[in-house]
């Protein structure tokens, strides 16, 4: 299965069935979020990495409350 061809919402559905797919969410968003955090703040790279870890942990913990009618990226 080529995960790159699936939408974020399809990946979320897979993650809800098997947590091993969560790495795809991290792969898709880690660099984008890091660039965004660097642009809007003056925190160090290490602080951004800690913040990203907290963000992805929160996403993982709340993955089952994701509304299928919503867009994941927002």
Protein backbone atom coordinates (compact mmCIF):
# COMPACT_ATOMS: atom_id res chain seq x y z
CA UNK A 1 0.00 0.00 0.00
CA UNK A 2 1.42 3.37 -1.03
CA UNK A 3 0.56 5.62 1.92
CA UNK A 4 1.76 8.72 0.05
CA UNK A 5 -1.26 8.45 -2.26
CA UNK A 6 -3.76 8.43 0.61
CA UNK A 7 -5.36 11.55 2.04
CA UNK A 8 -4.68 12.60 5.62
CA UNK A 9 -8.19 11.56 6.53
CA UNK A 10 -7.63 8.08 5.07
CA UNK A 11 -4.40 7.79 7.07
CA UNK A 12 -6.27 8.78 10.25
CA UNK A 13 -8.76 5.99 9.58
CA UNK A 14 -5.85 3.53 9.24
CA UNK A 15 -4.24 4.83 12.45
CA UNK A 16 -7.51 4.29 14.29
CA UNK A 17 -7.31 0.62 13.24
CA UNK A 18 -3.53 0.18 13.63
CA UNK A 19 -1.29 2.68 15.44
CA UNK A 20 1.72 1.68 13.36
CA UNK A 21 0.44 3.99 10.62
CA UNK A 22 0.89 7.05 12.87
CA UNK A 23 4.45 7.44 11.58
CA UNK A 24 2.98 8.59 8.28
CA UNK A 25 1.30 11.53 10.03
CA UNK A 26 4.62 12.47 11.62
CA UNK A 27 6.41 12.15 8.26
CA UNK A 28 3.85 14.44 6.61
CA UNK A 29 3.77 17.17 9.22
CA UNK A 30 6.99 17.26 11.25
CA UNK A 31 9.03 19.42 8.87
CA UNK A 32 6.11 21.72 8.07
CA UNK A 33 5.34 22.29 11.74
CA UNK A 34 9.01 22.81 12.58
CA UNK A 35 9.34 25.48 9.88
CA UNK A 36 6.15 27.14 11.09
CA UNK A 37 7.31 27.18 14.72
CA UNK A 38 10.70 28.57 13.68
CA UNK A 39 9.00 31.33 11.71
CA UNK A 40 6.58 32.44 14.42
CA UNK A 41 8.82 32.08 17.47
CA UNK A 42 12.37 32.54 18.63
CA UNK A 43 12.63 29.23 20.47
CA UNK A 44 15.67 27.03 19.93
CA UNK A 45 15.74 23.92 17.76
CA UNK A 46 15.74 21.75 20.90
CA UNK A 47 12.68 23.56 22.27
CA UNK A 48 10.91 23.15 18.93
CA UNK A 49 11.69 19.42 18.96
CA UNK A 50 10.21 19.14 22.46
CA UNK A 51 7.14 21.09 21.38
CA UNK A 52 6.71 18.92 18.28
CA UNK A 53 6.89 15.82 20.44
CA UNK A 54 4.16 17.25 22.68
CA UNK A 55 2.04 18.14 19.65
CA UNK A 56 2.29 14.67 18.11
CA UNK A 57 1.58 13.05 21.46
CA UNK A 58 -1.58 15.15 21.79
CA UNK A 59 -2.62 14.23 18.24
CA UNK A 60 -2.07 10.54 18.98
CA UNK A 61 -4.01 10.71 22.25
CA UNK A 62 -6.95 12.40 20.51
CA UNK A 63 -6.93 10.48 17.23
CA UNK A 64 -10.21 8.70 17.97
CA UNK A 65 -12.08 11.97 18.46
CA UNK A 66 -11.20 13.14 14.95
CA UNK A 67 -14.34 14.11 13.07
CA UNK A 68 -14.36 12.49 9.64
CA UNK A 69 -16.10 15.49 8.10
CA UNK A 70 -13.27 17.83 9.11
CA UNK A 71 -9.96 18.44 7.43
CA UNK A 72 -7.06 16.99 9.44
CA UNK A 73 -4.43 19.58 8.50
CA UNK A 74 -6.34 22.40 10.14
